[in-house]
Amino acid sequence: MDEKPFEEPVLVRLEPLGPALPIHSTKKAVELLTDARWPSERGPRHRDAVDACLKVLDGHRSTLDARNALLEAAREAEILVAV
């Protein structure tokens, strides 16, 4: 499966003192969004991001859509480190 890379990574931190994780592609974004370490309270931006990423992997949306949706979900979950 094509990873559908982002032009720029999104940096997130799943644990307060943990390392910043660079998310470089739509495939990695889906893995992150469905990871058990994602904060347990998953809001509407999380659902939107999963949907956007899956549509990108199916060829129906752009990688920019997936990246932007991931940014919003990470902000909502308060795990965004840098854009």
PDB file of N, CA and C in Angstrom:
ATOM      1  N   MET A   1       0.842  -1.183   0.000  1.00  0.00           N
ATOM      2  CA  MET A   1       0.000   0.000   0.000  1.00  0.00           C
ATOM      3  C   MET A   1       0.884   1.242   0.000  1.00  0.00           C
ATOM      4  N   ASP A   2       0.527   2.219  -0.822  1.00  0.00           N
ATOM      5  CA  ASP A   2       1.238   3.485  -0.887  1.00  0.00           C
ATOM      6  C   ASP A   2       1.047   4.231   0.430  1.00  0.00           C
ATOM      7  N   GLU A   3       2.122   4.745   0.973  1.00  0.00           N
ATOM      8  CA  GLU A   3       2.074   5.446   2.262  1.00  0.00           C
ATOM      9  C   GLU A   3       1.358   6.793   2.179  1.00  0.00           C
ATOM     10  N   LYS A   4       1.276   7.385   0.986  1.00  0.00           N
ATOM     11  CA  LYS A   4       0.685   8.719   0.782  1.00  0.00           C
ATOM     12  C   LYS A   4       1.380   9.738   1.692  1.00  0.00           C
ATOM     13  N   PRO A   5       2.655  10.060   1.377  1.00  0.00           N
ATOM     14  CA  PRO A   5       3.447  10.929   2.248  1.00  0.00           C
ATOM     15  C   PRO A   5       2.932  12.368   2.310  1.00  0.00           C
ATOM     16  N   PHE A   6       3.172  12.999   3.468  1.00  0.00           N
ATOM     17  CA  PHE A   6       2.874  14.416   3.665  1.00  0.00           C
ATOM     18  C   PHE A   6       4.072  15.224   3.168  1.00  0.00           C
ATOM     19  N   GLU A   7       3.832  16.476   2.764  1.00  0.00           N
ATOM     20  CA  GLU A   7       4.944  17.350   2.382  1.00  0.00           C
ATOM     21  C   GLU A   7       5.785  17.713   3.605  1.00  0.00           C
ATOM     22  N   GLU A   8       5.133  17.895   4.751  1.00  0.00           N
ATOM     23  CA  GLU A   8       5.809  18.210   6.016  1.00  0.00           C
ATOM     24  C   GLU A   8       5.233  17.305   7.101  1.00  0.00           C
ATOM     25  N   PRO A   9       6.059  16.792   8.004  1.00  0.00           N
ATOM     26  CA  PRO A   9       5.532  15.923   9.070  1.00  0.00           C
ATOM     27  C   PRO A   9       4.736  16.716  10.107  1.00  0.00           C
ATOM     28  N   VAL A  10       3.932  16.003  10.848  1.00  0.00           N
ATOM     29  CA  VAL A  10       3.216  16.546  12.003  1.00  0.00           C
ATOM     30  C   VAL A  10       3.855  15.905  13.230  1.00  0.00           C
ATOM     31  N   LEU A  11       4.239  16.722  14.214  1.00  0.00           N
ATOM     32  CA  LEU A  11       4.859  16.193  15.431  1.00  0.00           C
ATOM     33  C   LEU A  11       3.829  16.117  16.551  1.00  0.00           C
ATOM     34  N   VAL A  12       3.733  14.933  17.149  1.00  0.00           N
ATOM     35  CA  VAL A  12       2.808  14.727  18.266  1.00  0.00           C
ATOM     36  C   VAL A  12       3.557  14.091  19.430  1.00  0.00           C
ATOM     37  N   ARG A  13       2.995  14.227  20.615  1.00  0.00           N
ATOM     38  CA  ARG A  13       3.569  13.603  21.809  1.00  0.00           C
ATOM     39  C   ARG A  13       2.434  12.889  22.532  1.00  0.00           C
ATOM     40  N   LEU A  14       2.514  11.560  22.594  1.00  0.00           N
ATOM     41  CA  LEU A  14       1.453  10.760  23.197  1.00  0.00           C
ATOM     42  C   LEU A  14       1.553  10.666  24.711  1.00  0.00           C
ATOM     43  N   GLU A  15       2.738  10.918  25.257  1.00  0.00           N
ATOM     44  CA  GLU A  15       2.960  10.876  26.705  1.00  0.00           C
ATOM     45  C   GLU A  15       3.609  12.193  27.109  1.00  0.00           C
ATOM     46  N   PRO A  16       3.238  12.753  28.270  1.00  0.00           N
ATOM     47  CA  PRO A  16       3.746  14.071  28.665  1.00  0.00           C
ATOM     48  C   PRO A  16       5.264  14.224  28.561  1.00  0.00           C
ATOM     49  N   LEU A  17       6.024  13.232  28.974  1.00  0.00           N
ATOM     50  CA  LEU A  17       7.481  13.327  28.912  1.00  0.00           C
ATOM     51  C   LEU A  17       8.065  12.448  27.813  1.00  0.00           C
ATOM     52  N   GLY A  18       7.207  11.926  26.968  1.00  0.00           N
ATOM     53  CA  GLY A  18       7.650  11.042  25.896  1.00  0.00           C
ATOM     54  C   GLY A  18       8.246  11.812  24.733  1.00  0.00           C
ATOM     55  N   PRO A  19       8.798  11.080  23.800  1.00  0.00           N
ATOM     56  CA  PRO A  19       9.413  11.723  22.639  1.00  0.00           C
ATOM     57  C   PRO A  19       8.358  12.292  21.690  1.00  0.00           C
ATOM     58  N   ALA A  20       8.752  13.304  20.947  1.00  0.00           N
ATOM     59  CA  ALA A  20       7.901  13.827  19.881  1.00  0.00           C
ATOM     60  C   ALA A  20       7.979  12.842  18.717  1.00  0.00           C
ATOM     61  N   LEU A  21       6.836  12.450  18.213  1.00  0.00           N
ATOM     62  CA  LEU A  21       6.776  11.481  17.119  1.00  0.00           C
ATOM     63  C   LEU A  21       6.442  12.185  15.815  1.00  0.00           C
ATOM     64  N   PRO A  22       7.310  12.090  14.805  1.00  0.00           N
ATOM     65  CA  PRO A  22       6.991  12.694  13.512  1.00  0.00           C
ATOM     66  C   PRO A  22       6.082  11.767  12.700  1.00  0.00           C
ATOM     67  N   ILE A  23       4.979  12.304  12.231  1.00  0.00           N
ATOM     68  CA  ILE A  23       4.056  11.547  11.392  1.00  0.00           C
ATOM     69  C   ILE A  23       4.243  12.077   9.971  1.00  0.00           C
ATOM     70  N   HIS A  24       4.812  11.225   9.111  1.00  0.00           N
ATOM     71  CA  HIS A  24       5.223  11.633   7.771  1.00  0.00           C
ATOM     72  C   HIS A  24       4.245  11.256   6.666  1.00  0.00           C
ATOM     73  N   SER A  25       3.224  10.453   6.974  1.00  0.00           N
ATOM     74  CA  SER A  25       2.365   9.963   5.890  1.00  0.00           C
ATOM     75  C   SER A  25       0.949   9.681   6.380  1.00  0.00           C
ATOM     76  N   THR A  26       0.064   9.539   5.417  1.00  0.00           N
ATOM     77  CA  THR A  26      -1.327   9.203   5.718  1.00  0.00           C
ATOM     78  C   THR A  26      -1.411   7.834   6.378  1.00  0.00           C
ATOM     79  N   LYS A  27      -0.633   6.885   5.896  1.00  0.00           N
ATOM     80  CA  LYS A  27      -0.650   5.540   6.489  1.00  0.00           C
ATOM     81  C   LYS A  27      -0.245   5.596   7.962  1.00  0.00           C
ATOM     82  N   LYS A  28       0.817   6.349   8.264  1.00  0.00           N
ATOM     83  CA  LYS A  28       1.261   6.489   9.655  1.00  0.00           C
ATOM     84  C   LYS A  28       0.224   7.255  10.484  1.00  0.00           C
ATOM     85  N   ALA A  29      -0.481   8.183   9.863  1.00  0.00           N
ATOM     86  CA  ALA A  29      -1.536   8.914  10.568  1.00  0.00           C
ATOM     87  C   ALA A  29      -2.655   7.966  10.988  1.00  0.00           C
ATOM     88  N   VAL A  30      -3.058   7.065  10.095  1.00  0.00           N
ATOM     89  CA  VAL A  30      -4.097   6.085  10.440  1.00  0.00           C
ATOM     90  C   VAL A  30      -3.615   5.201  11.588  1.00  0.00           C
ATOM     91  N   GLU A  31      -2.366   4.764  11.519  1.00  0.00           N
ATOM     92  CA  GLU A  31      -1.816   3.934  12.598  1.00  0.00           C
ATOM     93  C   GLU A  31      -1.854   4.682  13.928  1.00  0.00           C
ATOM     94  N   LEU A  32      -1.492   5.961  13.907  1.00  0.00           N
ATOM     95  CA  LEU A  32      -1.513   6.769  15.122  1.00  0.00           C
ATOM     96  C   LEU A  32      -2.941   6.953  15.636  1.00  0.00           C
ATOM     97  N   LEU A  33      -3.848   7.305  14.744  1.00  0.00           N
ATOM     98  CA  LEU A  33      -5.234   7.578  15.135  1.00  0.00           C
ATOM     99  C   LEU A  33      -5.932   6.353  15.712  1.00  0.00           C
ATOM    100  N   THR A  34      -5.490   5.171  15.325  1.00  0.00           N
ATOM    101  CA  THR A  34      -6.113   3.940  15.819  1.00  0.00           C
ATOM    102  C   THR A  34      -5.271   3.265  16.904  1.00  0.00           C
ATOM    103  N   ASP A  35      -4.180   3.898  17.290  1.00  0.00           N
ATOM    104  CA  ASP A  35      -3.294   3.372  18.333  1.00  0.00           C
ATOM    105  C   ASP A  35      -3.971   3.500  19.698  1.00  0.00           C
ATOM    106  N   ALA A  36      -3.817   2.504  20.530  1.00  0.00           N
ATOM    107  CA  ALA A  36      -4.400   2.524  21.875  1.00  0.00           C
ATOM    108  C   ALA A  36      -3.812   3.647  22.729  1.00  0.00           C
ATOM    109  N   ARG A  37      -2.642   4.149  22.353  1.00  0.00           N
ATOM    110  CA  ARG A  37      -2.023   5.230  23.127  1.00  0.00           C
ATOM    111  C   ARG A  37      -2.630   6.597  22.837  1.00  0.00           C
ATOM    112  N   TRP A  38      -3.438   6.699  21.747  1.00  0.00           N
ATOM    113  CA  TRP A  38      -4.123   7.971  21.470  1.00  0.00           C
ATOM    114  C   TRP A  38      -5.008   8.268  22.684  1.00  0.00           C
ATOM    115  N   PRO A  39      -5.095   9.517  23.113  1.00  0.00           N
ATOM    116  CA  PRO A  39      -5.928   9.834  24.285  1.00  0.00           C
ATOM    117  C   PRO A  39      -7.325   9.210  24.198  1.00  0.00           C
ATOM    118  N   SER A  40      -7.783   8.693  25.328  1.00  0.00           N
ATOM    119  CA  SER A  40      -9.018   7.893  25.344  1.00  0.00           C
ATOM    120  C   SER A  40     -10.260   8.675  24.949  1.00  0.00           C
ATOM    121  N   GLU A  41     -10.288   9.969  25.219  1.00  0.00           N
ATOM    122  CA  GLU A  41     -11.451  10.761  24.824  1.00  0.00           C
ATOM    123  C   GLU A  41     -11.273  11.197  23.372  1.00  0.00           C
ATOM    124  N   ARG A  42     -11.935  10.500  22.487  1.00  0.00           N
ATOM    125  CA  ARG A  42     -11.791  10.762  21.050  1.00  0.00           C
ATOM    126  C   ARG A  42     -12.988  11.568  20.567  1.00  0.00           C
ATOM    127  N   GLY A  43     -12.721  12.796  20.185  1.00  0.00           N
ATOM    128  CA  GLY A  43     -13.789  13.709  19.804  1.00  0.00           C
ATOM    129  C   GLY A  43     -14.096  13.699  18.320  1.00  0.00           C
ATOM    130  N   PRO A  44     -14.897  14.669  17.885  1.00  0.00           N
ATOM    131  CA  PRO A  44     -15.319  14.720  16.485  1.00  0.00           C
ATOM    132  C   PRO A  44     -14.161  14.933  15.507  1.00  0.00           C
ATOM    133  N   ARG A  45     -13.130  15.656  15.906  1.00  0.00           N
ATOM    134  CA  ARG A  45     -11.982  15.869  15.009  1.00  0.00           C
ATOM    135  C   ARG A  45     -11.230  14.561  14.786  1.00  0.00           C
ATOM    136  N   HIS A  46     -11.208  13.708  15.788  1.00  0.00           N
ATOM    137  CA  HIS A  46     -10.573  12.394  15.645  1.00  0.00           C
ATOM    138  C   HIS A  46     -11.319  11.577  14.594  1.00  0.00           C
ATOM    139  N   ARG A  47     -12.637  11.531  14.698  1.00  0.00           N
ATOM    140  CA  ARG A  47     -13.442  10.788  13.714  1.00  0.00           C
ATOM    141  C   ARG A  47     -13.250  11.354  12.311  1.00  0.00           C
ATOM    142  N   ASP A  48     -13.230  12.685  12.209  1.00  0.00           N
ATOM    143  CA  ASP A  48     -13.017  13.329  10.909  1.00  0.00           C
ATOM    144  C   ASP A  48     -11.655  12.947  10.326  1.00  0.00           C
ATOM    145  N   ALA A  49     -10.635  12.894  11.182  1.00  0.00           N
ATOM    146  CA  ALA A  49      -9.285  12.570  10.720  1.00  0.00           C
ATOM    147  C   ALA A  49      -9.191  11.128  10.234  1.00  0.00           C
ATOM    148  N   VAL A  50      -9.784  10.203  10.967  1.00  0.00           N
ATOM    149  CA  VAL A  50      -9.782   8.803  10.528  1.00  0.00           C
ATOM    150  C   VAL A  50     -10.468   8.703   9.171  1.00  0.00           C
ATOM    151  N   ASP A  51     -11.623   9.338   9.041  1.00  0.00           N
ATOM    152  CA  ASP A  51     -12.379   9.306   7.787  1.00  0.00           C
ATOM    153  C   ASP A  51     -11.566   9.909   6.641  1.00  0.00           C
ATOM    154  N   ALA A  52     -10.963  11.069   6.875  1.00  0.00           N
ATOM    155  CA  ALA A  52     -10.173  11.731   5.832  1.00  0.00           C
ATOM    156  C   ALA A  52      -8.995  10.859   5.404  1.00  0.00           C
ATOM    157  N   CYS A  53      -8.295  10.283   6.360  1.00  0.00           N
ATOM    158  CA  CYS A  53      -7.133   9.450   6.034  1.00  0.00           C
ATOM    159  C   CYS A  53      -7.535   8.215   5.229  1.00  0.00           C
ATOM    160  N   LEU A  54      -8.611   7.576   5.621  1.00  0.00           N
ATOM    161  CA  LEU A  54      -9.056   6.392   4.878  1.00  0.00           C
ATOM    162  C   LEU A  54      -9.471   6.761   3.460  1.00  0.00           C
ATOM    163  N   LYS A  55     -10.085   7.925   3.296  1.00  0.00           N
ATOM    164  CA  LYS A  55     -10.475   8.366   1.948  1.00  0.00           C
ATOM    165  C   LYS A  55      -9.248   8.681   1.096  1.00  0.00           C
ATOM    166  N   VAL A  56      -8.209   9.213   1.721  1.00  0.00           N
ATOM    167  CA  VAL A  56      -6.957   9.458   0.989  1.00  0.00           C
ATOM    168  C   VAL A  56      -6.361   8.135   0.527  1.00  0.00           C
ATOM    169  N   LEU A  57      -6.317   7.162   1.412  1.00  0.00           N
ATOM    170  CA  LEU A  57      -5.746   5.858   1.051  1.00  0.00           C
ATOM    171  C   LEU A  57      -6.555   5.171  -0.044  1.00  0.00           C
ATOM    172  N   ASP A  58      -7.849   5.491  -0.121  1.00  0.00           N
ATOM    173  CA  ASP A  58      -8.704   4.950  -1.186  1.00  0.00           C
ATOM    174  C   ASP A  58      -8.643   5.785  -2.460  1.00  0.00           C
ATOM    175  N   GLY A  59      -7.908   6.906  -2.421  1.00  0.00           N
ATOM    176  CA  GLY A  59      -7.747   7.739  -3.605  1.00  0.00           C
ATOM    177  C   GLY A  59      -8.835   8.772  -3.819  1.00  0.00           C
ATOM    178  N   HIS A  60      -9.610   9.086  -2.771  1.00  0.00           N
ATOM    179  CA  HIS A  60     -10.733  10.009  -2.928  1.00  0.00           C
ATOM    180  C   HIS A  60     -10.493  11.403  -2.361  1.00  0.00           C
ATOM    181  N   ARG A  61      -9.370  11.606  -1.676  1.00  0.00           N
ATOM    182  CA  ARG A  61      -9.034  12.920  -1.126  1.00  0.00           C
ATOM    183  C   ARG A  61      -7.528  13.114  -1.226  1.00  0.00           C
ATOM    184  N   SER A  62      -7.086  14.338  -0.949  1.00  0.00           N
ATOM    185  CA  SER A  62      -5.657  14.647  -1.056  1.00  0.00           C
ATOM    186  C   SER A  62      -4.935  14.409   0.271  1.00  0.00           C
ATOM    187  N   THR A  63      -3.617  14.246   0.175  1.00  0.00           N
ATOM    188  CA  THR A  63      -2.822  14.072   1.393  1.00  0.00           C
ATOM    189  C   THR A  63      -2.869  15.332   2.256  1.00  0.00           C
ATOM    190  N   LEU A  64      -3.050  16.487   1.636  1.00  0.00           N
ATOM    191  CA  LEU A  64      -3.186  17.724   2.408  1.00  0.00           C
ATOM    192  C   LEU A  64      -4.434  17.664   3.290  1.00  0.00           C
ATOM    193  N   ASP A  65      -5.519  17.096   2.771  1.00  0.00           N
ATOM    194  CA  ASP A  65      -6.736  16.917   3.576  1.00  0.00           C
ATOM    195  C   ASP A  65      -6.447  16.044   4.795  1.00  0.00           C
ATOM    196  N   ALA A  66      -5.720  14.958   4.591  1.00  0.00           N
ATOM    197  CA  ALA A  66      -5.397  14.047   5.693  1.00  0.00           C
ATOM    198  C   ALA A  66      -4.516  14.742   6.725  1.00  0.00           C
ATOM    199  N   ARG A  67      -3.514  15.461   6.262  1.00  0.00           N
ATOM    200  CA  ARG A  67      -2.604  16.152   7.179  1.00  0.00           C
ATOM    201  C   ARG A  67      -3.351  17.200   7.999  1.00  0.00           C
ATOM    202  N   ASN A  68      -4.186  17.992   7.327  1.00  0.00           N
ATOM    203  CA  ASN A  68      -4.950  19.017   8.039  1.00  0.00           C
ATOM    204  C   ASN A  68      -5.903  18.401   9.061  1.00  0.00           C
ATOM    205  N   ALA A  69      -6.535  17.303   8.695  1.00  0.00           N
ATOM    206  CA  ALA A  69      -7.444  16.623   9.624  1.00  0.00           C
ATOM    207  C   ALA A  69      -6.673  16.069  10.819  1.00  0.00           C
ATOM    208  N   LEU A  70      -5.481  15.530  10.579  1.00  0.00           N
ATOM    209  CA  LEU A  70      -4.643  15.039  11.675  1.00  0.00           C
ATOM    210  C   LEU A  70      -4.248  16.188  12.600  1.00  0.00           C
ATOM    211  N   LEU A  71      -3.882  17.321  12.028  1.00  0.00           N
ATOM    212  CA  LEU A  71      -3.539  18.491  12.843  1.00  0.00           C
ATOM    213  C   LEU A  71      -4.687  18.867  13.775  1.00  0.00           C
ATOM    214  N   GLU A  72      -5.892  18.928  13.227  1.00  0.00           N
ATOM    215  CA  GLU A  72      -7.058  19.295  14.035  1.00  0.00           C
ATOM    216  C   GLU A  72      -7.325  18.265  15.131  1.00  0.00           C
ATOM    217  N   ALA A  73      -7.194  16.995  14.803  1.00  0.00           N
ATOM    218  CA  ALA A  73      -7.415  15.937  15.798  1.00  0.00           C
ATOM    219  C   ALA A  73      -6.361  16.007  16.900  1.00  0.00           C
ATOM    220  N   ALA A  74      -5.115  16.258  16.521  1.00  0.00           N
ATOM    221  CA  ALA A  74      -4.037  16.353  17.512  1.00  0.00           C
ATOM    222  C   ALA A  74      -4.220  17.578  18.406  1.00  0.00           C
ATOM    223  N   ARG A  75      -4.671  18.694  17.821  1.00  0.00           N
ATOM    224  CA  ARG A  75      -4.973  19.879  18.638  1.00  0.00           C
ATOM    225  C   ARG A  75      -6.091  19.569  19.629  1.00  0.00           C
ATOM    226  N   GLU A  76      -7.153  18.946  19.120  1.00  0.00           N
ATOM    227  CA  GLU A  76      -8.292  18.595  19.961  1.00  0.00           C
ATOM    228  C   GLU A  76      -7.855  17.708  21.136  1.00  0.00           C
ATOM    229  N   ALA A  77      -6.955  16.771  20.870  1.00  0.00           N
ATOM    230  CA  ALA A  77      -6.486  15.836  21.901  1.00  0.00           C
ATOM    231  C   ALA A  77      -5.346  16.409  22.745  1.00  0.00           C
ATOM    232  N   GLU A  78      -4.894  17.617  22.387  1.00  0.00           N
ATOM    233  CA  GLU A  78      -3.801  18.295  23.092  1.00  0.00           C
ATOM    234  C   GLU A  78      -2.506  17.492  23.066  1.00  0.00           C
ATOM    235  N   ILE A  79      -2.208  16.909  21.899  1.00  0.00           N
ATOM    236  CA  ILE A  79      -0.950  16.166  21.743  1.00  0.00           C
ATOM    237  C   ILE A  79      -0.081  16.747  20.627  1.00  0.00           C
ATOM    238  N   LEU A  80      -0.527  17.847  20.015  1.00  0.00           N
ATOM    239  CA  LEU A  80       0.232  18.460  18.928  1.00  0.00           C
ATOM    240  C   LEU A  80       1.464  19.155  19.487  1.00  0.00           C
ATOM    241  N   VAL A  81       2.624  18.841  18.910  1.00  0.00           N
ATOM    242  CA  VAL A  81       3.874  19.483  19.318  1.00  0.00           C
ATOM    243  C   VAL A  81       4.217  20.584  18.329  1.00  0.00           C
ATOM    244  N   ALA A  82       4.214  20.262  17.050  1.00  0.00           N
ATOM    245  CA  ALA A  82       4.564  21.236  16.017  1.00  0.00           C
ATOM    246  C   ALA A  82       3.943  20.824  14.696  1.00  0.00           C
ATOM    247  N   VAL A  83       3.795  21.812  13.839  1.00  0.00           N
ATOM    248  CA  VAL A  83       3.210  21.572  12.521  1.00  0.00           C
ATOM    249  C   VAL A  83       4.298  21.285  11.514  1.00  0.00           C
TER     250      VAL A  83
END
